[in-house]
Structures are given as structure tokens and as C-alpha cells.
Protein backbone atom coordinates (compact mmCIF):
# COMPACT_ATOMS: atom_id res chain seq x y z
CA UNK A 1 11.80 30.28 -5.66
CA UNK A 2 9.18 32.87 -6.49
CA UNK A 3 6.37 31.16 -8.41
CA UNK A 4 5.04 34.48 -9.70
CA UNK A 5 8.41 35.26 -11.22
CA UNK A 6 8.41 31.98 -13.12
CA UNK A 7 4.75 31.36 -14.02
CA UNK A 8 3.79 27.78 -14.67
CA UNK A 9 6.55 26.36 -12.47
CA UNK A 10 4.73 23.32 -11.10
CA UNK A 11 6.28 20.15 -9.70
CA UNK A 12 6.81 18.65 -13.14
CA UNK A 13 8.74 21.69 -14.34
CA UNK A 14 10.53 22.31 -11.08
CA UNK A 15 14.08 21.74 -12.20
CA UNK A 16 13.80 23.73 -15.41
CA UNK A 17 12.60 26.65 -13.29
CA UNK A 18 15.35 25.96 -10.77
CA UNK A 19 17.92 26.26 -13.55
CA UNK A 20 16.50 29.66 -14.47
CA UNK A 21 16.94 30.72 -10.86
CA UNK A 22 20.54 29.50 -10.86
CA UNK A 23 21.40 31.26 -14.11
CA UNK A 24 20.05 34.55 -12.74
CA UNK A 25 21.39 34.01 -9.20
CA UNK A 26 23.38 36.96 -7.93
CA UNK A 27 22.56 39.17 -10.90
CA UNK A 28 21.09 42.65 -10.61
CA UNK A 29 19.13 43.90 -13.55
CA UNK A 30 18.59 41.82 -16.72
CA UNK A 31 20.48 38.51 -16.67
CA UNK A 32 23.39 38.16 -19.10
CA UNK A 33 22.99 36.02 -22.24
CA UNK A 34 23.17 32.30 -21.52
CA UNK A 35 26.23 30.65 -23.15
CA UNK A 36 25.38 28.03 -25.83
CA UNK A 37 26.68 25.11 -23.76
CA UNK A 38 24.46 26.07 -20.83
CA UNK A 39 21.53 26.42 -23.20
CA UNK A 40 22.16 22.88 -24.46
CA UNK A 41 22.31 21.52 -20.93
CA UNK A 42 19.07 23.28 -20.01
CA UNK A 43 17.45 22.04 -23.21
CA UNK A 44 18.35 18.43 -22.38
CA UNK A 45 17.08 18.92 -18.86
CA UNK A 46 13.78 20.23 -20.22
CA UNK A 47 13.51 17.24 -22.56
CA UNK A 48 14.03 14.96 -19.59
CA UNK A 49 11.21 16.63 -17.68
CA UNK A 50 8.92 16.34 -20.70
CA UNK A 51 9.76 12.63 -20.91
CA UNK A 52 8.86 12.24 -17.22
CA UNK A 53 5.50 13.89 -17.91
CA UNK A 54 4.90 11.36 -20.71
CA UNK A 55 5.79 8.49 -18.40
CA UNK A 56 8.93 7.74 -20.42
CA UNK A 57 11.43 7.19 -17.61
CA UNK A 58 14.05 5.62 -19.86
CA UNK A 59 13.90 8.59 -22.22
CA UNK A 60 14.15 10.91 -19.21
CA UNK A 61 17.28 9.17 -17.98
CA UNK A 62 18.94 9.50 -21.39
CA UNK A 63 18.12 13.23 -21.52
CA UNK A 64 19.26 13.91 -17.96
CA UNK A 65 22.50 11.97 -18.57
CA UNK A 66 23.19 14.17 -21.60
CA UNK A 67 22.46 17.28 -19.54
CA UNK A 68 24.90 15.96 -16.94
CA UNK A 69 27.58 15.35 -19.60
CA UNK A 70 27.29 18.89 -20.99
CA UNK A 71 27.33 20.45 -17.53
CA UNK A 72 30.43 18.47 -16.63
CA UNK A 73 32.15 19.60 -19.80
CA UNK A 74 31.95 23.23 -18.61
CA UNK A 75 32.24 22.55 -14.86
CA UNK A 76 28.84 24.08 -14.17
CA UNK A 77 28.52 22.60 -10.69
CA UNK A 78 24.99 23.85 -10.06
CA UNK A 79 23.88 22.39 -13.39
CA UNK A 80 25.66 19.13 -12.55
CA UNK A 81 23.81 18.98 -9.23
CA UNK A 82 20.43 19.58 -10.86
CA UNK A 83 21.08 16.82 -13.41
CA UNK A 84 22.14 14.43 -10.64
CA UNK A 85 19.04 15.20 -8.56
CA UNK A 86 16.81 14.60 -11.57
CA UNK A 87 18.55 11.30 -12.26
CA UNK A 88 18.24 10.25 -8.61
CA UNK A 89 14.52 11.00 -8.68
CA UNK A 90 13.79 9.01 -11.84
CA UNK A 91 15.93 6.08 -10.71
CA UNK A 92 14.13 6.06 -7.35
CA UNK A 93 10.75 6.09 -9.03
CA UNK A 94 11.87 3.12 -11.14
CA UNK A 95 12.85 1.28 -7.97
CA UNK A 96 16.57 1.44 -8.78
CA UNK A 97 17.46 2.59 -5.29
CA UNK A 98 21.18 1.77 -5.31
CA UNK A 99 21.73 3.89 -8.42
CA UNK A 100 19.48 6.63 -7.03
CA UNK A 101 21.58 6.76 -3.87
CA UNK A 102 24.81 6.98 -5.89
CA UNK A 103 23.47 9.93 -7.86
CA UNK A 104 22.20 11.88 -4.86
CA UNK A 105 25.46 11.25 -3.00
CA UNK A 106 27.33 12.76 -5.95
CA UNK A 107 25.15 15.85 -5.66
CA UNK A 108 25.79 16.06 -1.92
CA UNK A 109 29.51 16.37 -2.52
CA UNK A 110 29.17 19.55 -4.58
CA UNK A 111 26.21 21.39 -3.01
CA UNK A 112 26.55 23.40 0.19
CA UNK A 113 23.82 24.92 2.42
CA UNK A 114 22.72 28.29 1.08
CA UNK A 115 22.89 27.12 -2.52
CA UNK A 116 19.50 27.42 -4.32
CA UNK A 117 19.76 23.70 -5.11
CA UNK A 118 20.26 22.60 -1.48
CA UNK A 119 16.58 22.27 -0.39
CA UNK A 120 15.67 20.15 -3.41
CA UNK A 121 18.78 18.01 -3.02
CA UNK A 122 17.96 17.45 0.67
CA UNK A 123 14.38 16.58 -0.24
CA UNK A 124 15.45 13.95 -2.76
CA UNK A 125 18.08 12.59 -0.36
CA UNK A 126 15.31 12.16 2.23
CA UNK A 127 13.06 10.42 -0.32
CA UNK A 128 15.83 7.99 -1.29
CA UNK A 129 16.62 7.17 2.35
CA UNK A 130 12.91 6.70 3.08
CA UNK A 131 12.59 4.32 0.14
CA UNK A 132 15.58 2.38 1.51
CA UNK A 133 13.92 2.17 4.93
CA UNK A 134 16.47 4.43 6.64
CA UNK A 135 14.01 6.47 8.69
CA UNK A 136 16.51 8.41 10.87
CA UNK A 137 18.52 9.55 7.83
CA UNK A 138 15.31 10.37 5.95
CA UNK A 139 14.16 12.53 8.86
CA UNK A 140 17.51 14.32 9.12
CA UNK A 141 17.48 15.33 5.45
CA UNK A 142 13.76 16.13 5.36
CA UNK A 143 14.31 18.59 8.20
CA UNK A 144 17.11 20.22 6.22
CA UNK A 145 14.80 20.53 3.22
CA UNK A 146 12.06 22.48 5.04
CA UNK A 147 12.77 26.20 4.51
CA UNK A 148 12.87 28.58 7.46
CA UNK A 149 10.52 30.98 5.67
CA UNK A 150 7.48 30.33 3.53
CA UNK A 151 8.37 29.38 -0.04
CA UNK A 152 6.43 28.01 -2.98
CA UNK A 153 7.95 24.59 -2.32
CA UNK A 154 7.44 24.65 1.49
CA UNK A 155 4.31 22.51 1.45
CA UNK A 156 5.96 19.69 -0.45
CA UNK A 157 8.86 19.59 2.01
CA UNK A 158 6.51 19.75 5.01
CA UNK A 159 4.40 16.92 3.60
CA UNK A 160 7.45 14.66 3.48
CA UNK A 161 8.51 15.47 7.03
CA UNK A 162 4.92 14.96 8.22
CA UNK A 163 4.88 11.53 6.60
CA UNK A 164 8.10 10.63 8.41
CA UNK A 165 6.71 11.80 11.78
CA UNK A 166 3.65 9.62 11.19
CA UNK A 167 5.88 6.62 10.43
CA UNK A 168 7.73 7.36 13.68
CA UNK A 169 4.44 7.14 15.57
CA UNK A 170 4.23 10.88 16.29
CA UNK A 171 0.76 11.82 15.02
CA UNK A 172 0.69 15.19 16.83
CA UNK A 173 3.85 16.46 15.14
CA UNK A 174 2.72 14.93 11.85
CA UNK A 175 -0.65 16.70 11.99
CA UNK A 176 0.86 20.10 12.78
CA UNK A 177 3.17 19.85 9.77
CA UNK A 178 0.50 18.48 7.44
CA UNK A 179 -1.86 21.34 8.33
CA UNK A 180 0.93 23.89 7.79
CA UNK A 181 1.68 22.21 4.46
CA UNK A 182 -1.99 22.35 3.47
CA UNK A 183 -2.12 26.09 4.16
CA UNK A 184 1.10 26.71 2.23
CA UNK A 185 -0.01 24.64 -0.74
CA UNK A 186 -3.29 26.52 -0.91
CA UNK A 187 -1.54 29.91 -0.70
CA UNK A 188 0.80 29.02 -3.57
CA UNK A 189 -1.87 27.21 -5.60
CA UNK A 190 -0.10 23.83 -5.57
CA UNK A 191 -3.11 21.60 -6.12
CA UNK A 192 -1.20 18.31 -6.34
CA UNK A 193 0.53 18.89 -3.02
CA UNK A 194 -2.70 20.19 -1.50
CA UNK A 195 -4.18 16.77 -2.26
CA UNK A 196 -1.14 15.10 -0.70
CA UNK A 197 -1.61 17.20 2.45
CA UNK A 198 -5.27 16.25 2.64
CA UNK A 199 -4.46 12.57 2.27
CA UNK A 200 -1.80 12.82 4.97
CA UNK A 201 -4.27 14.43 7.37
CA UNK A 202 -6.65 11.62 6.50
CA UNK A 203 -3.96 9.03 7.25
CA UNK A 204 -3.34 10.66 10.62
CA UNK A 205 -7.05 10.67 11.42
CA UNK A 206 -7.32 7.00 10.49
CA UNK A 207 -4.31 6.13 12.64
CA UNK A 208 -5.92 8.03 15.52
CA UNK A 209 -9.17 6.07 15.23
CA UNK A 210 -11.26 8.62 13.31
CA UNK A 211 -12.22 6.89 10.03
CA UNK A 212 -15.05 9.37 9.38
CA UNK A 213 -12.64 12.32 9.54
CA UNK A 214 -10.20 10.35 7.38
CA UNK A 215 -12.85 9.70 4.74
CA UNK A 216 -13.72 13.40 4.52
CA UNK A 217 -10.08 14.27 3.79
CA UNK A 218 -9.62 11.38 1.35
CA UNK A 219 -12.69 12.47 -0.63
CA UNK A 220 -11.31 16.01 -0.89
CA UNK A 221 -7.96 14.65 -2.09
CA UNK A 222 -9.72 12.42 -4.61
CA UNK A 223 -11.66 15.37 -6.01
CA UNK A 224 -8.43 17.30 -6.65
CA UNK A 225 -6.59 14.34 -8.16
CA UNK A 226 -9.50 13.59 -10.50
CA UNK A 227 -9.42 17.25 -11.55
CA UNK A 228 -5.67 16.83 -12.26
CA UNK A 229 -6.22 13.42 -13.93
CA UNK A 230 -3.50 11.82 -11.76
CA UNK A 231 -4.18 8.10 -12.11
CA UNK A 232 -1.65 6.99 -9.50
CA UNK A 233 -2.96 9.41 -6.90
CA UNK A 234 -6.58 8.56 -7.72
CA UNK A 235 -5.84 4.89 -7.11
CA UNK A 236 -4.12 5.72 -3.81
CA UNK A 237 -7.07 7.85 -2.68
CA UNK A 238 -9.51 5.06 -3.52
CA UNK A 239 -7.47 2.52 -1.56
CA UNK A 240 -7.37 4.95 1.38
CA UNK A 241 -11.14 5.35 1.17
CA UNK A 242 -11.44 1.57 1.19
CA UNK A 243 -9.36 1.38 4.35
CA UNK A 244 -11.48 4.05 6.03
CA UNK A 245 -14.74 2.36 5.07
CA UNK A 246 -13.47 -1.00 6.33
CA UNK A 247 -12.43 0.60 9.62
CA UNK A 248 -16.01 1.86 10.00
CA UNK A 249 -17.35 -1.65 9.41
CA UNK A 250 -18.78 -0.69 6.01
CA UNK A 251 -17.44 -3.72 4.18
CA UNK A 252 -19.52 -3.37 1.01
CA UNK A 253 -18.36 0.22 0.52
CA UNK A 254 -14.78 -0.84 1.18
CA UNK A 255 -15.02 -3.51 -1.51
CA UNK A 256 -16.41 -0.93 -3.93
CA UNK A 257 -13.52 1.48 -3.33
CA UNK A 258 -10.91 -1.24 -3.75
CA UNK A 259 -12.55 -2.48 -6.94
CA UNK A 260 -12.41 1.05 -8.32
CA UNK A 261 -8.74 1.28 -7.30
CA UNK A 262 -8.01 -1.94 -9.18
CA UNK A 263 -9.79 -0.66 -12.29
CA UNK A 264 -7.93 2.68 -12.25
CA UNK A 265 -4.56 0.99 -11.70
CA UNK A 266 -5.13 -1.54 -14.46
CA UNK A 267 -6.33 1.18 -16.83
CA UNK A 268 -3.11 3.12 -16.19
CA UNK A 269 -0.93 -0.03 -16.56
CA UNK A 270 0.23 0.27 -12.94
CA UNK A 271 0.68 -3.39 -12.12
CA UNK A 272 2.18 -2.95 -8.65
CA UNK A 273 -0.65 -0.63 -7.58
CA UNK A 274 -3.26 -2.99 -9.03
CA UNK A 275 -1.74 -5.93 -7.12
CA UNK A 276 -1.73 -3.93 -3.87
CA UNK A 277 -5.42 -3.06 -4.28
CA UNK A 278 -6.28 -6.66 -5.20
CA UNK A 279 -4.45 -7.93 -2.13
CA UNK A 280 -6.53 -5.67 0.14
CA UNK A 281 -9.70 -6.61 -1.73
CA UNK A 282 -9.03 -10.31 -1.30
CA UNK A 283 -8.24 -9.80 2.39
CA UNK A 284 -11.63 -8.14 2.92
CA UNK A 285 -13.45 -10.83 0.96
CA UNK A 286 -11.79 -13.48 3.12
CA UNK A 287 -13.19 -11.83 6.25
CA UNK A 288 -16.67 -12.00 4.69
CA UNK A 289 -16.37 -15.71 4.08
CA UNK A 290 -15.52 -16.47 7.73
């Protein structure tokens, strides 16, 4: 997908932009008028994405289901696939992994390699398998998602594969991919994924026994995520900084970072994230009492 052709196509608007690509796919010159039914499906898809941006996952599911219904009524298989991928993503983010897997498997049955939807479908399939703990399957699909040539979405796909390599205990491969992802994200101006790349490189440094190098990367990621006002990512960065500080023996700084992570998570009503930060904070405080 050419980001300059569709200005403003960030991660949140990805699938609306992807639909525009599909509608114009194979056309030379100005694209033909979009039939009313396709317009309705795209409109529902856009509403779903707007609901995701508001944090209204239930509203997003309703909108994506309606988009799916309209696309099925006209046998628009690409549109069906996009709706299914969107539904799989929201269900996964809600922790409804069985339903997410059902939806992405439906998409797999109608999307072939070479289709504009295939990389995104493979990416979401990898994310679902990773969430289910199926590392080999996650790796297989993440590798299919990474494009052979540089694309505006390359960095996001490379970040995922880098994360999987790190989980496999292959820090060298993970670092090479994360650095390639960082370069790609900077070229295409994807600030959110740039921050993810930086955090990944920090995670690799921490795993390799370099907490100072990790902290430098985490601070850079935090700066970007604060600029983007991404509460969830800010909380993750602060917890990472806490881990790096603790690894350096700087317990007081570690406590400060975890306390900030708790405050951010609670302020954003992210109970699971707040509990994770509190658990780490209590663990550190227990070491101080011994």
C-alpha cells in the first residue's frame, strides 16, 4: 500500500485504506463508481474503526458484523475478508481468542497469496496464534506477512517477527529484524511502530544483559508514545523502564517507574495493566524488606 497515495492511512485507519486499494485494484485510470452496497459495507467498516479509536470494542464488533453481512450479500470476497480480519483483531484484543481464531480461519479460506489482503490476514493470524501460545504457527504466519520489498506496513510485520524470534531465544535474529523495522518505520513516518521497534530493541538489550542500552531505547519509545498520547504503550514503557532500572540495581528508580505505570494504567481504566505493574512493584518491595 502506498501511504502517499492514501494520506492519513495510519494503523487505526488501515482497513478503510485497504478497502480503497481493493476497490481500485486492477484498474487503470480513474476507478469506476463504487456500487451503493459496497459503499454501505465500507461505511460500516469505517464506523467500526472509529469505534475502535474511541475504545468502544462492542460498538466496533457490531459495525464490523454489519459490514460482513453486506459484503456477504453481494459476494464481495475481499470485503468479506477485511471484515473478518477486523473482527478477529477486536475479538483478540478483548481476549476472546476462540472467536478470534474462528474469524481469521474464515478469512484464510477465501484469501490466496498475492491478494492485497493476504499480508494483513497473515499478520492477524500470527497475532492470534501468538496469543494462544502457538509459537511455531505464529512464526510461520508472521514470516508470510513480511513483504519481500519495502512497504509502508513492513515495519509492523517485522516487529512481530522480531518479537517471535526473541521469544524463541534468538536475540541476534530478533535484533536484525527490529533494526530493519525501525528504519522502515522512520522512512514511512509510522511513529507508533517506531516506538514499538525501539521497545523491542530495548527488550533484546535487556535480555542480553545491557540494561543501560535497554533504558535508552525505552526512554525514546516513551517519548514517542507520550507525544501520541497512547496510555497503554506509555504504561508498558514505564514498566520496561522499571525492569531495566531494577536490573541495574537502582531499586528506588525502579519503584518510581512502576508507580508511574500503575497511575497511568488506573487513569486509563486498564485494570489488567495496573495489576501487572502492581505485581512487579510488590515483588520489588518484598526484596527491599528482606
